[in-house]
Structures are given as C-alpha cells and as structure tokens.
Amino acid sequence: MEVEHFYTSVQVERFKIKGKERFIMMEKRLALKRHPWKITKGQFNTTDVQEAAEAIRDIQDDLDRYLNQRYNKTEGYFEFKK
C-alpha cells in the first residue's frame, strides 16, 4: 500500500491510502480523544466486514505509529519548516 500524507493542521491530519485498485481517504481529528479517526472517502471490499474492519484498524495503528515517530510527540500537530 502507498500512503500519502497530504494535509496537516492543528485540527486534523489527512491521508490517502492506495492499494492495487482501491483507495481510502482518512483523517485523524486531533482535538478528539475518543474515535479520532474518520474515513472521508473510500473504495474497499465490504463482503467480509470483519476483515475490512481489522484492516482499517491496522492502518490506523500504523498511521498513529508514524505520527508518533515523526513528531516525537504527545501532541499530534507538526509545523513544517520550509
């Protein structure tokens, strides 16, 4: 899978995750502690709901690890330096 981190702000981090023929756009809402992840768009297989849910949870966990490593943080916001 290819992940594009295409937007960051104080309120939200946005990602586009691309597979072979499908994609999911997700955002992490940084002000929320409970259920911060939201799928904003997507094309994914729902024939096996359990498998799809587990895959989405794994993606969220990996993105959280990425954000934690990238920002070495307790907060989810990073200001890009140009």
PDB file of N, CA and C in Angstrom:
ATOM      1  N   MET A   1       0.836  -1.183   0.000  1.00  0.00           N
ATOM      2  CA  MET A   1       0.000   0.000   0.000  1.00  0.00           C
ATOM      3  C   MET A   1       0.878   1.242   0.000  1.00  0.00           C
ATOM      4  N   GLU A   2       0.371   2.254  -0.636  1.00  0.00           N
ATOM      5  CA  GLU A   2       1.069   3.532  -0.694  1.00  0.00           C
ATOM      6  C   GLU A   2       0.260   4.541   0.119  1.00  0.00           C
ATOM      7  N   VAL A   3       0.930   5.270   1.006  1.00  0.00           N
ATOM      8  CA  VAL A   3       0.256   6.239   1.859  1.00  0.00           C
ATOM      9  C   VAL A   3       0.775   7.635   1.528  1.00  0.00           C
ATOM     10  N   GLU A   4      -0.153   8.546   1.297  1.00  0.00           N
ATOM     11  CA  GLU A   4       0.189   9.941   1.043  1.00  0.00           C
ATOM     12  C   GLU A   4      -0.355  10.775   2.202  1.00  0.00           C
ATOM     13  N   HIS A   5       0.531  11.445   2.910  1.00  0.00           N
ATOM     14  CA  HIS A   5       0.155  12.350   3.997  1.00  0.00           C
ATOM     15  C   HIS A   5       0.046  13.733   3.354  1.00  0.00           C
ATOM     16  N   PHE A   6      -1.177  14.120   2.992  1.00  0.00           N
ATOM     17  CA  PHE A   6      -1.324  15.295   2.132  1.00  0.00           C
ATOM     18  C   PHE A   6      -1.793  16.564   2.827  1.00  0.00           C
ATOM     19  N   TYR A   7      -2.135  16.503   4.117  1.00  0.00           N
ATOM     20  CA  TYR A   7      -2.596  17.727   4.789  1.00  0.00           C
ATOM     21  C   TYR A   7      -2.330  17.612   6.283  1.00  0.00           C
ATOM     22  N   THR A   8      -1.883  18.703   6.873  1.00  0.00           N
ATOM     23  CA  THR A   8      -1.697  18.754   8.317  1.00  0.00           C
ATOM     24  C   THR A   8      -2.077  20.136   8.829  1.00  0.00           C
ATOM     25  N   SER A   9      -2.722  20.158   9.986  1.00  0.00           N
ATOM     26  CA  SER A   9      -3.064  21.414  10.647  1.00  0.00           C
ATOM     27  C   SER A   9      -3.168  21.141  12.140  1.00  0.00           C
ATOM     28  N   VAL A  10      -3.545  22.139  12.896  1.00  0.00           N
ATOM     29  CA  VAL A  10      -3.714  21.969  14.333  1.00  0.00           C
ATOM     30  C   VAL A  10      -4.892  21.038  14.616  1.00  0.00           C
ATOM     31  N   GLN A  11      -5.891  21.021  13.748  1.00  0.00           N
ATOM     32  CA  GLN A  11      -7.105  20.237  13.975  1.00  0.00           C
ATOM     33  C   GLN A  11      -7.069  18.831  13.384  1.00  0.00           C
ATOM     34  N   VAL A  12      -6.355  18.631  12.263  1.00  0.00           N
ATOM     35  CA  VAL A  12      -6.520  17.374  11.528  1.00  0.00           C
ATOM     36  C   VAL A  12      -5.253  16.995  10.753  1.00  0.00           C
ATOM     37  N   GLU A  13      -5.054  15.697  10.603  1.00  0.00           N
ATOM     38  CA  GLU A  13      -4.040  15.122   9.715  1.00  0.00           C
ATOM     39  C   GLU A  13      -4.810  14.299   8.682  1.00  0.00           C
ATOM     40  N   ARG A  14      -4.504  14.465   7.391  1.00  0.00           N
ATOM     41  CA  ARG A  14      -5.238  13.741   6.350  1.00  0.00           C
ATOM     42  C   ARG A  14      -4.297  12.854   5.538  1.00  0.00           C
ATOM     43  N   PHE A  15      -4.823  11.666   5.193  1.00  0.00           N
ATOM     44  CA  PHE A  15      -4.045  10.655   4.486  1.00  0.00           C
ATOM     45  C   PHE A  15      -4.870  10.056   3.355  1.00  0.00           C
ATOM     46  N   LYS A  16      -4.169   9.668   2.288  1.00  0.00           N
ATOM     47  CA  LYS A  16      -4.776   8.876   1.222  1.00  0.00           C
ATOM     48  C   LYS A  16      -3.982   7.586   1.135  1.00  0.00           C
ATOM     49  N   ILE A  17      -4.668   6.455   1.299  1.00  0.00           N
ATOM     50  CA  ILE A  17      -4.054   5.143   1.275  1.00  0.00           C
ATOM     51  C   ILE A  17      -4.497   4.459  -0.014  1.00  0.00           C
ATOM     52  N   LYS A  18      -3.522   4.083  -0.859  1.00  0.00           N
ATOM     53  CA  LYS A  18      -3.838   3.473  -2.150  1.00  0.00           C
ATOM     54  C   LYS A  18      -3.367   2.023  -2.166  1.00  0.00           C
ATOM     55  N   GLY A  19      -4.257   1.161  -2.620  1.00  0.00           N
ATOM     56  CA  GLY A  19      -3.908  -0.232  -2.856  1.00  0.00           C
ATOM     57  C   GLY A  19      -3.780  -0.470  -4.344  1.00  0.00           C
ATOM     58  N   LYS A  20      -4.010  -1.694  -4.781  1.00  0.00           N
ATOM     59  CA  LYS A  20      -3.891  -2.003  -6.203  1.00  0.00           C
ATOM     60  C   LYS A  20      -4.916  -1.245  -7.029  1.00  0.00           C
ATOM     61  N   GLU A  21      -6.187  -1.384  -6.672  1.00  0.00           N
ATOM     62  CA  GLU A  21      -7.244  -0.744  -7.457  1.00  0.00           C
ATOM     63  C   GLU A  21      -8.176   0.090  -6.594  1.00  0.00           C
ATOM     64  N   ARG A  22      -7.879   0.193  -5.312  1.00  0.00           N
ATOM     65  CA  ARG A  22      -8.780   0.877  -4.383  1.00  0.00           C
ATOM     66  C   ARG A  22      -8.027   1.903  -3.568  1.00  0.00           C
ATOM     67  N   PHE A  23      -8.791   2.780  -2.932  1.00  0.00           N
ATOM     68  CA  PHE A  23      -8.179   3.781  -2.072  1.00  0.00           C
ATOM     69  C   PHE A  23      -9.107   4.085  -0.897  1.00  0.00           C
ATOM     70  N   ILE A  24      -8.505   4.649   0.129  1.00  0.00           N
ATOM     71  CA  ILE A  24      -9.253   5.143   1.289  1.00  0.00           C
ATOM     72  C   ILE A  24      -8.654   6.489   1.657  1.00  0.00           C
ATOM     73  N   MET A  25      -9.499   7.462   1.918  1.00  0.00           N
ATOM     74  CA  MET A  25      -9.037   8.740   2.451  1.00  0.00           C
ATOM     75  C   MET A  25      -9.490   8.795   3.902  1.00  0.00           C
ATOM     76  N   MET A  26      -8.525   9.035   4.790  1.00  0.00           N
ATOM     77  CA  MET A  26      -8.810   9.056   6.224  1.00  0.00           C
ATOM     78  C   MET A  26      -8.264  10.336   6.816  1.00  0.00           C
ATOM     79  N   GLU A  27      -8.870  10.722   7.933  1.00  0.00           N
ATOM     80  CA  GLU A  27      -8.326  11.845   8.666  1.00  0.00           C
ATOM     81  C   GLU A  27      -8.339  11.536  10.151  1.00  0.00           C
ATOM     82  N   LYS A  28      -7.328  12.059  10.829  1.00  0.00           N
ATOM     83  CA  LYS A  28      -7.272  11.948  12.277  1.00  0.00           C
ATOM     84  C   LYS A  28      -7.605  13.324  12.829  1.00  0.00           C
ATOM     85  N   ARG A  29      -8.700  13.377  13.570  1.00  0.00           N
ATOM     86  CA  ARG A  29      -9.146  14.634  14.177  1.00  0.00           C
ATOM     87  C   ARG A  29      -8.438  14.759  15.520  1.00  0.00           C
ATOM     88  N   LEU A  30      -7.527  15.713  15.612  1.00  0.00           N
ATOM     89  CA  LEU A  30      -6.606  15.795  16.729  1.00  0.00           C
ATOM     90  C   LEU A  30      -7.236  16.309  18.012  1.00  0.00           C
ATOM     91  N   ALA A  31      -8.348  17.006  17.927  1.00  0.00           N
ATOM     92  CA  ALA A  31      -8.995  17.532  19.123  1.00  0.00           C
ATOM     93  C   ALA A  31      -9.799  16.456  19.860  1.00  0.00           C
ATOM     94  N   LEU A  32     -10.059  15.334  19.203  1.00  0.00           N
ATOM     95  CA  LEU A  32     -10.868  14.281  19.807  1.00  0.00           C
ATOM     96  C   LEU A  32      -9.986  13.199  20.401  1.00  0.00           C
ATOM     97  N   LYS A  33     -10.278  12.802  21.619  1.00  0.00           N
ATOM     98  CA  LYS A  33      -9.559  11.692  22.242  1.00  0.00           C
ATOM     99  C   LYS A  33     -10.248  10.370  21.927  1.00  0.00           C
ATOM    100  N   ARG A  34     -11.553  10.393  21.815  1.00  0.00           N
ATOM    101  CA  ARG A  34     -12.327   9.183  21.569  1.00  0.00           C
ATOM    102  C   ARG A  34     -12.755   9.152  20.101  1.00  0.00           C
ATOM    103  N   HIS A  35     -12.459   8.089  19.421  1.00  0.00           N
ATOM    104  CA  HIS A  35     -12.781   7.909  17.992  1.00  0.00           C
ATOM    105  C   HIS A  35     -12.256   9.053  17.127  1.00  0.00           C
ATOM    106  N   PRO A  36     -10.939   9.279  17.140  1.00  0.00           N
ATOM    107  CA  PRO A  36     -10.398  10.398  16.364  1.00  0.00           C
ATOM    108  C   PRO A  36     -10.308  10.140  14.865  1.00  0.00           C
ATOM    109  N   TRP A  37     -10.383   8.868  14.431  1.00  0.00           N
ATOM    110  CA  TRP A  37     -10.224   8.552  13.013  1.00  0.00           C
ATOM    111  C   TRP A  37     -11.560   8.577  12.287  1.00  0.00           C
ATOM    112  N   LYS A  38     -11.512   9.094  11.063  1.00  0.00           N
ATOM    113  CA  LYS A  38     -12.711   9.167  10.232  1.00  0.00           C
ATOM    114  C   LYS A  38     -12.322   8.818   8.801  1.00  0.00           C
ATOM    115  N   ILE A  39     -13.110   7.961   8.171  1.00  0.00           N
ATOM    116  CA  ILE A  39     -12.926   7.662   6.750  1.00  0.00           C
ATOM    117  C   ILE A  39     -13.783   8.660   5.986  1.00  0.00           C
ATOM    118  N   THR A  40     -13.148   9.468   5.152  1.00  0.00           N
ATOM    119  CA  THR A  40     -13.881  10.503   4.425  1.00  0.00           C
ATOM    120  C   THR A  40     -14.308  10.043   3.034  1.00  0.00           C
ATOM    121  N   LYS A  41     -13.534   9.144   2.421  1.00  0.00           N
ATOM    122  CA  LYS A  41     -13.866   8.567   1.119  1.00  0.00           C
ATOM    123  C   LYS A  41     -13.228   7.194   1.059  1.00  0.00           C
ATOM    124  N   GLY A  42     -13.780   6.360   0.219  1.00  0.00           N
ATOM    125  CA  GLY A  42     -13.103   5.086   0.087  1.00  0.00           C
ATOM    126  C   GLY A  42     -13.772   4.116  -0.848  1.00  0.00           C
ATOM    127  N   GLN A  43     -12.969   3.215  -1.327  1.00  0.00           N
ATOM    128  CA  GLN A  43     -13.408   2.092  -2.141  1.00  0.00           C
ATOM    129  C   GLN A  43     -12.749   0.874  -1.528  1.00  0.00           C
ATOM    130  N   PHE A  44     -13.498   0.116  -0.758  1.00  0.00           N
ATOM    131  CA  PHE A  44     -12.932  -1.085  -0.165  1.00  0.00           C
ATOM    132  C   PHE A  44     -13.976  -2.179  -0.143  1.00  0.00           C
ATOM    133  N   ASN A  45     -13.517  -3.400  -0.050  1.00  0.00           N
ATOM    134  CA  ASN A  45     -14.366  -4.575  -0.122  1.00  0.00           C
ATOM    135  C   ASN A  45     -15.109  -4.777   1.197  1.00  0.00           C
ATOM    136  N   THR A  46     -16.435  -4.801   1.136  1.00  0.00           N
ATOM    137  CA  THR A  46     -17.229  -4.982   2.352  1.00  0.00           C
ATOM    138  C   THR A  46     -17.899  -6.353   2.400  1.00  0.00           C
ATOM    139  N   THR A  47     -17.456  -7.286   1.568  1.00  0.00           N
ATOM    140  CA  THR A  47     -18.061  -8.618   1.617  1.00  0.00           C
ATOM    141  C   THR A  47     -17.723  -9.322   2.929  1.00  0.00           C
ATOM    142  N   ASP A  48     -16.538  -9.041   3.473  1.00  0.00           N
ATOM    143  CA  ASP A  48     -16.155  -9.559   4.784  1.00  0.00           C
ATOM    144  C   ASP A  48     -15.922  -8.364   5.697  1.00  0.00           C
ATOM    145  N   VAL A  49     -16.949  -7.972   6.425  1.00  0.00           N
ATOM    146  CA  VAL A  49     -16.907  -6.761   7.260  1.00  0.00           C
ATOM    147  C   VAL A  49     -15.835  -6.877   8.330  1.00  0.00           C
ATOM    148  N   GLN A  50     -15.706  -8.044   8.933  1.00  0.00           N
ATOM    149  CA  GLN A  50     -14.707  -8.258   9.985  1.00  0.00           C
ATOM    150  C   GLN A  50     -13.297  -8.030   9.443  1.00  0.00           C
ATOM    151  N   GLU A  51     -13.023  -8.587   8.278  1.00  0.00           N
ATOM    152  CA  GLU A  51     -11.697  -8.425   7.669  1.00  0.00           C
ATOM    153  C   GLU A  51     -11.429  -6.965   7.315  1.00  0.00           C
ATOM    154  N   ALA A  52     -12.427  -6.269   6.761  1.00  0.00           N
ATOM    155  CA  ALA A  52     -12.273  -4.852   6.415  1.00  0.00           C
ATOM    156  C   ALA A  52     -12.027  -4.016   7.657  1.00  0.00           C
ATOM    157  N   ALA A  53     -12.760  -4.293   8.737  1.00  0.00           N
ATOM    158  CA  ALA A  53     -12.592  -3.544   9.991  1.00  0.00           C
ATOM    159  C   ALA A  53     -11.200  -3.756  10.572  1.00  0.00           C
ATOM    160  N   GLU A  54     -10.715  -4.984  10.530  1.00  0.00           N
ATOM    161  CA  GLU A  54      -9.380  -5.274  11.051  1.00  0.00           C
ATOM    162  C   GLU A  54      -8.306  -4.581  10.213  1.00  0.00           C
ATOM    163  N   ALA A  55      -8.483  -4.567   8.901  1.00  0.00           N
ATOM    164  CA  ALA A  55      -7.515  -3.906   8.030  1.00  0.00           C
ATOM    165  C   ALA A  55      -7.494  -2.401   8.296  1.00  0.00           C
ATOM    166  N   ILE A  56      -8.658  -1.804   8.471  1.00  0.00           N
ATOM    167  CA  ILE A  56      -8.728  -0.362   8.750  1.00  0.00           C
ATOM    168  C   ILE A  56      -8.097  -0.061  10.102  1.00  0.00           C
ATOM    169  N   ARG A  57      -8.354  -0.903  11.103  1.00  0.00           N
ATOM    170  CA  ARG A  57      -7.746  -0.706  12.425  1.00  0.00           C
ATOM    171  C   ARG A  57      -6.226  -0.808  12.329  1.00  0.00           C
ATOM    172  N   ASP A  58      -5.726  -1.769  11.558  1.00  0.00           N
ATOM    173  CA  ASP A  58      -4.282  -1.908  11.385  1.00  0.00           C
ATOM    174  C   ASP A  58      -3.680  -0.681  10.708  1.00  0.00           C
ATOM    175  N   ILE A  59      -4.376  -0.149   9.722  1.00  0.00           N
ATOM    176  CA  ILE A  59      -3.918   1.071   9.046  1.00  0.00           C
ATOM    177  C   ILE A  59      -3.866   2.225  10.045  1.00  0.00           C
ATOM    178  N   GLN A  60      -4.914   2.382  10.843  1.00  0.00           N
ATOM    179  CA  GLN A  60      -4.946   3.446  11.842  1.00  0.00           C
ATOM    180  C   GLN A  60      -3.801   3.302  12.840  1.00  0.00           C
ATOM    181  N   ASP A  61      -3.558   2.085  13.304  1.00  0.00           N
ATOM    182  CA  ASP A  61      -2.456   1.848  14.247  1.00  0.00           C
ATOM    183  C   ASP A  61      -1.112   2.208  13.620  1.00  0.00           C
ATOM    184  N   ASP A  62      -0.901   1.827  12.353  1.00  0.00           N
ATOM    185  CA  ASP A  62       0.351   2.148  11.665  1.00  0.00           C
ATOM    186  C   ASP A  62       0.505   3.653  11.470  1.00  0.00           C
ATOM    187  N   LEU A  63      -0.580   4.325  11.126  1.00  0.00           N
ATOM    188  CA  LEU A  63      -0.513   5.781  10.952  1.00  0.00           C
ATOM    189  C   LEU A  63      -0.255   6.474  12.288  1.00  0.00           C
ATOM    190  N   ASP A  64      -0.836   5.972  13.366  1.00  0.00           N
ATOM    191  CA  ASP A  64      -0.549   6.534  14.693  1.00  0.00           C
ATOM    192  C   ASP A  64       0.936   6.373  15.038  1.00  0.00           C
ATOM    193  N   ARG A  65       1.503   5.198  14.733  1.00  0.00           N
ATOM    194  CA  ARG A  65       2.937   4.988  14.983  1.00  0.00           C
ATOM    195  C   ARG A  65       3.771   5.952  14.139  1.00  0.00           C
ATOM    196  N   TYR A  66       3.380   6.131  12.887  1.00  0.00           N
ATOM    197  CA  TYR A  66       4.077   7.071  12.008  1.00  0.00           C
ATOM    198  C   TYR A  66       4.042   8.487  12.591  1.00  0.00           C
ATOM    199  N   LEU A  67       2.862   8.921  13.014  1.00  0.00           N
ATOM    200  CA  LEU A  67       2.740  10.263  13.571  1.00  0.00           C
ATOM    201  C   LEU A  67       3.551  10.404  14.852  1.00  0.00           C
ATOM    202  N   ASN A  68       3.517   9.398  15.700  1.00  0.00           N
ATOM    203  CA  ASN A  68       4.281   9.450  16.949  1.00  0.00           C
ATOM    204  C   ASN A  68       5.779   9.530  16.670  1.00  0.00           C
ATOM    205  N   GLN A  69       6.279   8.764  15.728  1.00  0.00           N
ATOM    206  CA  GLN A  69       7.695   8.795  15.396  1.00  0.00           C
ATOM    207  C   GLN A  69       8.077  10.092  14.700  1.00  0.00           C
ATOM    208  N   ARG A  70       7.227  10.517  13.805  1.00  0.00           N
ATOM    209  CA  ARG A  70       7.539  11.726  13.034  1.00  0.00           C
ATOM    210  C   ARG A  70       7.612  12.960  13.917  1.00  0.00           C
ATOM    211  N   TYR A  71       6.682  13.060  14.822  1.00  0.00           N
ATOM    212  CA  TYR A  71       6.598  14.254  15.647  1.00  0.00           C
ATOM    213  C   TYR A  71       7.247  14.068  17.007  1.00  0.00           C
ATOM    214  N   ASN A  72       7.623  12.795  17.338  1.00  0.00           N
ATOM    215  CA  ASN A  72       8.187  12.502  18.646  1.00  0.00           C
ATOM    216  C   ASN A  72       7.388  13.254  19.686  1.00  0.00           C
ATOM    217  N   LYS A  73       6.145  12.943  19.805  1.00  0.00           N
ATOM    218  CA  LYS A  73       5.161  13.849  20.362  1.00  0.00           C
ATOM    219  C   LYS A  73       4.279  13.279  21.457  1.00  0.00           C
ATOM    220  N   THR A  74       3.616  14.220  22.084  1.00  0.00           N
ATOM    221  CA  THR A  74       2.440  13.913  22.879  1.00  0.00           C
ATOM    222  C   THR A  74       1.254  14.599  22.226  1.00  0.00           C
ATOM    223  N   GLU A  75       1.536  15.580  21.383  1.00  0.00           N
ATOM    224  CA  GLU A  75       0.500  16.263  20.602  1.00  0.00           C
ATOM    225  C   GLU A  75       0.587  15.767  19.162  1.00  0.00           C
ATOM    226  N   GLY A  76      -0.473  15.952  18.378  1.00  0.00           N
ATOM    227  CA  GLY A  76      -0.500  15.429  17.021  1.00  0.00           C
ATOM    228  C   GLY A  76      -0.193  16.436  15.944  1.00  0.00           C
ATOM    229  N   TYR A  77       0.282  17.630  16.281  1.00  0.00           N
ATOM    230  CA  TYR A  77       0.488  18.660  15.282  1.00  0.00           C
ATOM    231  C   TYR A  77       1.968  18.900  15.063  1.00  0.00           C
ATOM    232  N   PHE A  78       2.348  19.053  13.845  1.00  0.00           N
ATOM    233  CA  PHE A  78       3.723  19.313  13.479  1.00  0.00           C
ATOM    234  C   PHE A  78       3.748  20.475  12.509  1.00  0.00           C
ATOM    235  N   GLU A  79       4.587  21.435  12.753  1.00  0.00           N
ATOM    236  CA  GLU A  79       4.680  22.572  11.861  1.00  0.00           C
ATOM    237  C   GLU A  79       5.826  22.326  10.888  1.00  0.00           C
ATOM    238  N   PHE A  80       5.528  22.300   9.602  1.00  0.00           N
ATOM    239  CA  PHE A  80       6.560  22.062   8.602  1.00  0.00           C
ATOM    240  C   PHE A  80       7.442  23.285   8.476  1.00  0.00           C
ATOM    241  N   LYS A  81       8.732  23.047   8.354  1.00  0.00           N
ATOM    242  CA  LYS A  81       9.688  24.149   8.160  1.00  0.00           C
ATOM    243  C   LYS A  81      10.072  24.177   6.701  1.00  0.00           C
ATOM    244  N   LYS A  82      10.012  25.352   6.113  1.00  0.00           N
ATOM    245  CA  LYS A  82      10.333  25.493   4.692  1.00  0.00           C
ATOM    246  C   LYS A  82      11.691  26.140   4.525  1.00  0.00           C
TER     247      LYS A  82
END
